[in-house]
Amino acid sequence: MTIFIFAFIAMVLIMTGMALGAILQNKPLKGSCGGLNNIGMKQDCEICGGDDDECKKEQERQQRLAGGADLAYDATKR
């Protein structure tokens, strides 16, 4: 019974360490597969049409409209 308790505590410590590492690095999470560009769907994006600069401009525009207070916006509304 005690081995299960130690195993559980070890798993909790490992998960806590991974979470703290992700938080302290302050980087956005990335997928390991490369995203839409690797499967050929990036150009089908309804917002930017595959242009990364257009995505940045849209994000900045949305932040100005929202006053920077919102963490998300509805990309289907233009």
PDB file of N, CA and C in Angstrom:
ATOM      1  N   MET A   1       0.822  -1.199   0.000  1.00  0.00           N
ATOM      2  CA  MET A   1       0.000   0.000   0.000  1.00  0.00           C
ATOM      3  C   MET A   1       0.866   1.263   0.000  1.00  0.00           C
ATOM      4  N   THR A   2       1.957   1.223   0.759  1.00  0.00           N
ATOM      5  CA  THR A   2       2.797   2.412   0.834  1.00  0.00           C
ATOM      6  C   THR A   2       3.504   2.699  -0.485  1.00  0.00           C
ATOM      7  N   ILE A   3       3.760   1.670  -1.284  1.00  0.00           N
ATOM      8  CA  ILE A   3       4.412   1.890  -2.578  1.00  0.00           C
ATOM      9  C   ILE A   3       3.504   2.709  -3.497  1.00  0.00           C
ATOM     10  N   PHE A   4       2.196   2.497  -3.401  1.00  0.00           N
ATOM     11  CA  PHE A   4       1.251   3.268  -4.213  1.00  0.00           C
ATOM     12  C   PHE A   4       1.203   4.733  -3.768  1.00  0.00           C
ATOM     13  N   ILE A   5       1.303   4.952  -2.486  1.00  0.00           N
ATOM     14  CA  ILE A   5       1.318   6.324  -1.973  1.00  0.00           C
ATOM     15  C   ILE A   5       2.568   7.047  -2.454  1.00  0.00           C
ATOM     16  N   PHE A   6       3.729   6.372  -2.369  1.00  0.00           N
ATOM     17  CA  PHE A   6       4.975   6.988  -2.855  1.00  0.00           C
ATOM     18  C   PHE A   6       4.936   7.226  -4.363  1.00  0.00           C
ATOM     19  N   ALA A   7       4.357   6.292  -5.098  1.00  0.00           N
ATOM     20  CA  ALA A   7       4.244   6.455  -6.555  1.00  0.00           C
ATOM     21  C   ALA A   7       3.330   7.632  -6.880  1.00  0.00           C
ATOM     22  N   PHE A   8       2.238   7.755  -6.144  1.00  0.00           N
ATOM     23  CA  PHE A   8       1.314   8.869  -6.369  1.00  0.00           C
ATOM     24  C   PHE A   8       1.988  10.206  -6.059  1.00  0.00           C
ATOM     25  N   ILE A   9       2.704  10.267  -4.955  1.00  0.00           N
ATOM     26  CA  ILE A   9       3.404  11.497  -4.579  1.00  0.00           C
ATOM     27  C   ILE A   9       4.464  11.840  -5.625  1.00  0.00           C
ATOM     28  N   ALA A  10       5.171  10.832  -6.117  1.00  0.00           N
ATOM     29  CA  ALA A  10       6.192  11.073  -7.141  1.00  0.00           C
ATOM     30  C   ALA A  10       5.551  11.629  -8.414  1.00  0.00           C
ATOM     31  N   MET A  11       4.429  11.091  -8.834  1.00  0.00           N
ATOM     32  CA  MET A  11       3.749  11.575 -10.037  1.00  0.00           C
ATOM     33  C   MET A  11       3.254  13.012  -9.844  1.00  0.00           C
ATOM     34  N   VAL A  12       2.730  13.316  -8.674  1.00  0.00           N
ATOM     35  CA  VAL A  12       2.266  14.676  -8.399  1.00  0.00           C
ATOM     36  C   VAL A  12       3.440  15.647  -8.438  1.00  0.00           C
ATOM     37  N   LEU A  13       4.574  15.270  -7.883  1.00  0.00           N
ATOM     38  CA  LEU A  13       5.757  16.130  -7.908  1.00  0.00           C
ATOM     39  C   LEU A  13       6.261  16.339  -9.341  1.00  0.00           C
ATOM     40  N   ILE A  14       6.241  15.293 -10.142  1.00  0.00           N
ATOM     41  CA  ILE A  14       6.675  15.403 -11.534  1.00  0.00           C
ATOM     42  C   ILE A  14       5.750  16.341 -12.304  1.00  0.00           C
ATOM     43  N   MET A  15       4.447  16.169 -12.153  1.00  0.00           N
ATOM     44  CA  MET A  15       3.491  17.029 -12.868  1.00  0.00           C
ATOM     45  C   MET A  15       3.598  18.481 -12.391  1.00  0.00           C
ATOM     46  N   THR A  16       3.808  18.676 -11.101  1.00  0.00           N
ATOM     47  CA  THR A  16       3.967  20.030 -10.573  1.00  0.00           C
ATOM     48  C   THR A  16       5.225  20.680 -11.135  1.00  0.00           C
ATOM     49  N   GLY A  17       6.301  19.934 -11.222  1.00  0.00           N
ATOM     50  CA  GLY A  17       7.538  20.462 -11.794  1.00  0.00           C
ATOM     51  C   GLY A  17       7.381  20.834 -13.258  1.00  0.00           C
ATOM     52  N   MET A  18       6.680  19.996 -14.019  1.00  0.00           N
ATOM     53  CA  MET A  18       6.455  20.297 -15.432  1.00  0.00           C
ATOM     54  C   MET A  18       5.582  21.540 -15.588  1.00  0.00           C
ATOM     55  N   ALA A  19       4.561  21.663 -14.756  1.00  0.00           N
ATOM     56  CA  ALA A  19       3.679  22.828 -14.833  1.00  0.00           C
ATOM     57  C   ALA A  19       4.431  24.099 -14.461  1.00  0.00           C
ATOM     58  N   LEU A  20       5.231  24.043 -13.415  1.00  0.00           N
ATOM     59  CA  LEU A  20       6.010  25.219 -13.024  1.00  0.00           C
ATOM     60  C   LEU A  20       7.020  25.605 -14.103  1.00  0.00           C
ATOM     61  N   GLY A  21       7.623  24.621 -14.740  1.00  0.00           N
ATOM     62  CA  GLY A  21       8.555  24.912 -15.828  1.00  0.00           C
ATOM     63  C   GLY A  21       7.876  25.609 -16.984  1.00  0.00           C
ATOM     64  N   ALA A  22       6.678  25.144 -17.335  1.00  0.00           N
ATOM     65  CA  ALA A  22       5.930  25.770 -18.432  1.00  0.00           C
ATOM     66  C   ALA A  22       5.505  27.186 -18.062  1.00  0.00           C
ATOM     67  N   ILE A  23       5.119  27.397 -16.823  1.00  0.00           N
ATOM     68  CA  ILE A  23       4.685  28.719 -16.383  1.00  0.00           C
ATOM     69  C   ILE A  23       5.863  29.690 -16.320  1.00  0.00           C
ATOM     70  N   LEU A  24       6.973  29.261 -15.769  1.00  0.00           N
ATOM     71  CA  LEU A  24       8.119  30.142 -15.578  1.00  0.00           C
ATOM     72  C   LEU A  24       8.825  30.475 -16.890  1.00  0.00           C
ATOM     73  N   GLN A  25       8.756  29.594 -17.885  1.00  0.00           N
ATOM     74  CA  GLN A  25       9.375  29.903 -19.178  1.00  0.00           C
ATOM     75  C   GLN A  25       8.599  30.979 -19.918  1.00  0.00           C
ATOM     76  N   ASN A  26       7.314  31.083 -19.642  1.00  0.00           N
ATOM     77  CA  ASN A  26       6.457  32.116 -20.218  1.00  0.00           C
ATOM     78  C   ASN A  26       6.488  32.113 -21.750  1.00  0.00           C
ATOM     79  N   LYS A  27       6.476  30.926 -22.341  1.00  0.00           N
ATOM     80  CA  LYS A  27       6.435  30.780 -23.789  1.00  0.00           C
ATOM     81  C   LYS A  27       5.094  30.157 -24.169  1.00  0.00           C
ATOM     82  N   PRO A  28       4.575  30.481 -25.333  1.00  0.00           N
ATOM     83  CA  PRO A  28       3.340  29.822 -25.755  1.00  0.00           C
ATOM     84  C   PRO A  28       3.591  28.350 -26.057  1.00  0.00           C
ATOM     85  N   LEU A  29       2.603  27.531 -25.811  1.00  0.00           N
ATOM     86  CA  LEU A  29       2.727  26.108 -26.092  1.00  0.00           C
ATOM     87  C   LEU A  29       2.703  25.885 -27.598  1.00  0.00           C
ATOM     88  N   LYS A  30       3.491  24.930 -28.071  1.00  0.00           N
ATOM     89  CA  LYS A  30       3.551  24.616 -29.486  1.00  0.00           C
ATOM     90  C   LYS A  30       3.237  23.142 -29.674  1.00  0.00           C
ATOM     91  N   GLY A  31       2.584  22.847 -30.763  1.00  0.00           N
ATOM     92  CA  GLY A  31       2.336  21.453 -31.107  1.00  0.00           C
ATOM     93  C   GLY A  31       3.586  20.821 -31.685  1.00  0.00           C
ATOM     94  N   SER A  32       3.701  19.528 -31.562  1.00  0.00           N
ATOM     95  CA  SER A  32       4.889  18.855 -32.057  1.00  0.00           C
ATOM     96  C   SER A  32       4.787  18.505 -33.542  1.00  0.00           C
ATOM     97  N   CYS A  33       3.601  18.608 -34.118  1.00  0.00           N
ATOM     98  CA  CYS A  33       3.424  18.175 -35.501  1.00  0.00           C
ATOM     99  C   CYS A  33       3.625  19.306 -36.506  1.00  0.00           C
ATOM    100  N   GLY A  34       3.780  20.535 -36.077  1.00  0.00           N
ATOM    101  CA  GLY A  34       4.028  21.626 -36.993  1.00  0.00           C
ATOM    102  C   GLY A  34       2.807  22.428 -37.362  1.00  0.00           C
ATOM    103  N   GLY A  35       1.651  22.036 -36.956  1.00  0.00           N
ATOM    104  CA  GLY A  35       0.443  22.818 -37.171  1.00  0.00           C
ATOM    105  C   GLY A  35      -0.156  22.694 -38.560  1.00  0.00           C
ATOM    106  N   LEU A  36      -0.970  23.686 -38.915  1.00  0.00           N
ATOM    107  CA  LEU A  36      -1.717  23.659 -40.169  1.00  0.00           C
ATOM    108  C   LEU A  36      -0.815  23.687 -41.397  1.00  0.00           C
ATOM    109  N   ASN A  37       0.332  24.318 -41.284  1.00  0.00           N
ATOM    110  CA  ASN A  37       1.219  24.442 -42.437  1.00  0.00           C
ATOM    111  C   ASN A  37       1.721  23.078 -42.915  1.00  0.00           C
ATOM    112  N   ASN A  38       1.981  22.155 -42.004  1.00  0.00           N
ATOM    113  CA  ASN A  38       2.497  20.848 -42.392  1.00  0.00           C
ATOM    114  C   ASN A  38       1.462  19.973 -43.078  1.00  0.00           C
ATOM    115  N   ILE A  39       0.191  20.197 -42.837  1.00  0.00           N
ATOM    116  CA  ILE A  39      -0.827  19.381 -43.495  1.00  0.00           C
ATOM    117  C   ILE A  39      -1.472  20.113 -44.662  1.00  0.00           C
ATOM    118  N   GLY A  40      -0.913  21.263 -45.017  1.00  0.00           N
ATOM    119  CA  GLY A  40      -1.377  21.976 -46.200  1.00  0.00           C
ATOM    120  C   GLY A  40      -2.660  22.756 -46.015  1.00  0.00           C
ATOM    121  N   MET A  41      -3.025  23.098 -44.791  1.00  0.00           N
ATOM    122  CA  MET A  41      -4.281  23.805 -44.551  1.00  0.00           C
ATOM    123  C   MET A  41      -4.078  25.269 -44.187  1.00  0.00           C
ATOM    124  N   LYS A  42      -2.844  25.736 -44.107  1.00  0.00           N
ATOM    125  CA  LYS A  42      -2.597  27.107 -43.666  1.00  0.00           C
ATOM    126  C   LYS A  42      -3.217  28.116 -44.626  1.00  0.00           C
ATOM    127  N   GLN A  43      -3.136  27.863 -45.923  1.00  0.00           N
ATOM    128  CA  GLN A  43      -3.676  28.815 -46.891  1.00  0.00           C
ATOM    129  C   GLN A  43      -5.203  28.862 -46.848  1.00  0.00           C
ATOM    130  N   ASP A  44      -5.844  27.891 -46.208  1.00  0.00           N
ATOM    131  CA  ASP A  44      -7.299  27.866 -46.107  1.00  0.00           C
ATOM    132  C   ASP A  44      -7.826  28.628 -44.896  1.00  0.00           C
ATOM    133  N   CYS A  45      -6.957  29.280 -44.160  1.00  0.00           N
ATOM    134  CA  CYS A  45      -7.372  30.040 -42.986  1.00  0.00           C
ATOM    135  C   CYS A  45      -8.294  31.179 -43.419  1.00  0.00           C
ATOM    136  N   GLU A  46      -9.469  31.257 -42.802  1.00  0.00           N
ATOM    137  CA  GLU A  46     -10.457  32.269 -43.182  1.00  0.00           C
ATOM    138  C   GLU A  46     -10.062  33.670 -42.728  1.00  0.00           C
ATOM    139  N   ILE A  47      -9.195  33.767 -41.741  1.00  0.00           N
ATOM    140  CA  ILE A  47      -8.829  35.071 -41.196  1.00  0.00           C
ATOM    141  C   ILE A  47      -7.656  35.678 -41.953  1.00  0.00           C
ATOM    142  N   CYS A  48      -6.585  34.902 -42.145  1.00  0.00           N
ATOM    143  CA  CYS A  48      -5.369  35.483 -42.722  1.00  0.00           C
ATOM    144  C   CYS A  48      -5.029  34.946 -44.104  1.00  0.00           C
ATOM    145  N   GLY A  49      -5.655  33.863 -44.526  1.00  0.00           N
ATOM    146  CA  GLY A  49      -5.344  33.296 -45.830  1.00  0.00           C
ATOM    147  C   GLY A  49      -3.932  32.763 -45.930  1.00  0.00           C
ATOM    148  N   GLY A  50      -3.307  32.429 -44.816  1.00  0.00           N
ATOM    149  CA  GLY A  50      -1.960  31.878 -44.803  1.00  0.00           C
ATOM    150  C   GLY A  50      -0.866  32.913 -44.640  1.00  0.00           C
ATOM    151  N   ASP A  51      -1.224  34.188 -44.518  1.00  0.00           N
ATOM    152  CA  ASP A  51      -0.237  35.263 -44.368  1.00  0.00           C
ATOM    153  C   ASP A  51      -0.040  35.557 -42.883  1.00  0.00           C
ATOM    154  N   ASP A  52       1.159  35.244 -42.366  1.00  0.00           N
ATOM    155  CA  ASP A  52       1.440  35.433 -40.942  1.00  0.00           C
ATOM    156  C   ASP A  52       1.355  36.895 -40.529  1.00  0.00           C
ATOM    157  N   ASP A  53       1.777  37.811 -41.410  1.00  0.00           N
ATOM    158  CA  ASP A  53       1.698  39.238 -41.084  1.00  0.00           C
ATOM    159  C   ASP A  53       0.247  39.678 -40.921  1.00  0.00           C
ATOM    160  N   GLU A  54      -0.633  39.136 -41.735  1.00  0.00           N
ATOM    161  CA  GLU A  54      -2.056  39.471 -41.635  1.00  0.00           C
ATOM    162  C   GLU A  54      -2.629  38.985 -40.302  1.00  0.00           C
ATOM    163  N   CYS A  55      -2.181  37.828 -39.840  1.00  0.00           N
ATOM    164  CA  CYS A  55      -2.624  37.321 -38.533  1.00  0.00           C
ATOM    165  C   CYS A  55      -2.192  38.269 -37.415  1.00  0.00           C
ATOM    166  N   LYS A  56      -0.942  38.745 -37.466  1.00  0.00           N
ATOM    167  CA  LYS A  56      -0.465  39.678 -36.446  1.00  0.00           C
ATOM    168  C   LYS A  56      -1.257  40.978 -36.479  1.00  0.00           C
ATOM    169  N   LYS A  57      -1.530  41.470 -37.687  1.00  0.00           N
ATOM    170  CA  LYS A  57      -2.307  42.704 -37.807  1.00  0.00           C
ATOM    171  C   LYS A  57      -3.711  42.522 -37.241  1.00  0.00           C
ATOM    172  N   GLU A  58      -4.322  41.381 -37.502  1.00  0.00           N
ATOM    173  CA  GLU A  58      -5.673  41.108 -36.989  1.00  0.00           C
ATOM    174  C   GLU A  58      -5.668  41.017 -35.472  1.00  0.00           C
ATOM    175  N   GLN A  59      -4.651  40.385 -34.905  1.00  0.00           N
ATOM    176  CA  GLN A  59      -4.561  40.290 -33.451  1.00  0.00           C
ATOM    177  C   GLN A  59      -4.384  41.677 -32.824  1.00  0.00           C
ATOM    178  N   GLU A  60      -3.548  42.509 -33.424  1.00  0.00           N
ATOM    179  CA  GLU A  60      -3.356  43.860 -32.911  1.00  0.00           C
ATOM    180  C   GLU A  60      -4.634  44.685 -33.023  1.00  0.00           C
ATOM    181  N   ARG A  61      -5.349  44.520 -34.134  1.00  0.00           N
ATOM    182  CA  ARG A  61      -6.610  45.237 -34.330  1.00  0.00           C
ATOM    183  C   ARG A  61      -7.635  44.826 -33.277  1.00  0.00           C
ATOM    184  N   GLN A  62      -7.718  43.549 -33.016  1.00  0.00           N
ATOM    185  CA  GLN A  62      -8.657  43.057 -32.016  1.00  0.00           C
ATOM    186  C   GLN A  62      -8.289  43.542 -30.622  1.00  0.00           C
ATOM    187  N   GLN A  63      -6.993  43.626 -30.325  1.00  0.00           N
ATOM    188  CA  GLN A  63      -6.569  44.129 -29.017  1.00  0.00           C
ATOM    189  C   GLN A  63      -6.917  45.602 -28.857  1.00  0.00           C
ATOM    190  N   ARG A  64      -6.768  46.380 -29.931  1.00  0.00           N
ATOM    191  CA  ARG A  64      -7.129  47.800 -29.859  1.00  0.00           C
ATOM    192  C   ARG A  64      -8.626  47.959 -29.649  1.00  0.00           C
ATOM    193  N   LEU A  65      -9.424  47.150 -30.342  1.00  0.00           N
ATOM    194  CA  LEU A  65     -10.875  47.240 -30.206  1.00  0.00           C
ATOM    195  C   LEU A  65     -11.336  46.854 -28.813  1.00  0.00           C
ATOM    196  N   ALA A  66     -10.681  45.843 -28.240  1.00  0.00           N
ATOM    197  CA  ALA A  66     -11.083  45.347 -26.921  1.00  0.00           C
ATOM    198  C   ALA A  66     -10.403  46.119 -25.797  1.00  0.00           C
ATOM    199  N   GLY A  67      -9.491  46.982 -26.119  1.00  0.00           N
ATOM    200  CA  GLY A  67      -8.775  47.714 -25.083  1.00  0.00           C
ATOM    201  C   GLY A  67      -7.731  46.870 -24.393  1.00  0.00           C
ATOM    202  N   GLY A  68      -7.414  45.695 -24.944  1.00  0.00           N
ATOM    203  CA  GLY A  68      -6.399  44.827 -24.366  1.00  0.00           C
ATOM    204  C   GLY A  68      -6.871  44.056 -23.150  1.00  0.00           C
ATOM    205  N   ALA A  69      -8.141  44.196 -22.763  1.00  0.00           N
ATOM    206  CA  ALA A  69      -8.626  43.546 -21.540  1.00  0.00           C
ATOM    207  C   ALA A  69      -9.063  42.109 -21.785  1.00  0.00           C
ATOM    208  N   ASP A  70      -9.546  41.800 -22.971  1.00  0.00           N
ATOM    209  CA  ASP A  70     -10.031  40.456 -23.240  1.00  0.00           C
ATOM    210  C   ASP A  70      -8.889  39.517 -23.566  1.00  0.00           C
ATOM    211  N   LEU A  71      -9.042  38.265 -23.175  1.00  0.00           N
ATOM    212  CA  LEU A  71      -8.036  37.264 -23.480  1.00  0.00           C
ATOM    213  C   LEU A  71      -8.352  36.539 -24.772  1.00  0.00           C
ATOM    214  N   ALA A  72      -9.554  36.689 -25.303  1.00  0.00           N
ATOM    215  CA  ALA A  72      -9.939  36.012 -26.528  1.00  0.00           C
ATOM    216  C   ALA A  72     -10.958  36.857 -27.273  1.00  0.00           C
ATOM    217  N   TYR A  73     -11.157  36.526 -28.541  1.00  0.00           N
ATOM    218  CA  TYR A  73     -12.175  37.214 -29.332  1.00  0.00           C
ATOM    219  C   TYR A  73     -12.797  36.231 -30.306  1.00  0.00           C
ATOM    220  N   ASP A  74     -13.942  36.578 -30.839  1.00  0.00           N
ATOM    221  CA  ASP A  74     -14.643  35.725 -31.774  1.00  0.00           C
ATOM    222  C   ASP A  74     -14.136  36.017 -33.179  1.00  0.00           C
ATOM    223  N   ALA A  75     -13.316  35.129 -33.715  1.00  0.00           N
ATOM    224  CA  ALA A  75     -12.686  35.338 -35.024  1.00  0.00           C
ATOM    225  C   ALA A  75     -13.691  35.189 -36.172  1.00  0.00           C
ATOM    226  N   THR A  76     -14.871  34.660 -35.893  1.00  0.00           N
ATOM    227  CA  THR A  76     -15.865  34.499 -36.960  1.00  0.00           C
ATOM    228  C   THR A  76     -16.587  35.804 -37.264  1.00  0.00           C
ATOM    229  N   LYS A  77     -16.500  36.772 -36.352  1.00  0.00           N
ATOM    230  CA  LYS A  77     -17.138  38.072 -36.567  1.00  0.00           C
ATOM    231  C   LYS A  77     -16.109  39.054 -37.103  1.00  0.00           C
ATOM    232  N   ARG A  78     -16.430  39.745 -38.162  1.00  0.00           N
ATOM    233  CA  ARG A  78     -15.491  40.718 -38.734  1.00  0.00           C
ATOM    234  C   ARG A  78     -16.060  42.089 -38.658  1.00  0.00           C
TER     235      ARG A  78
END
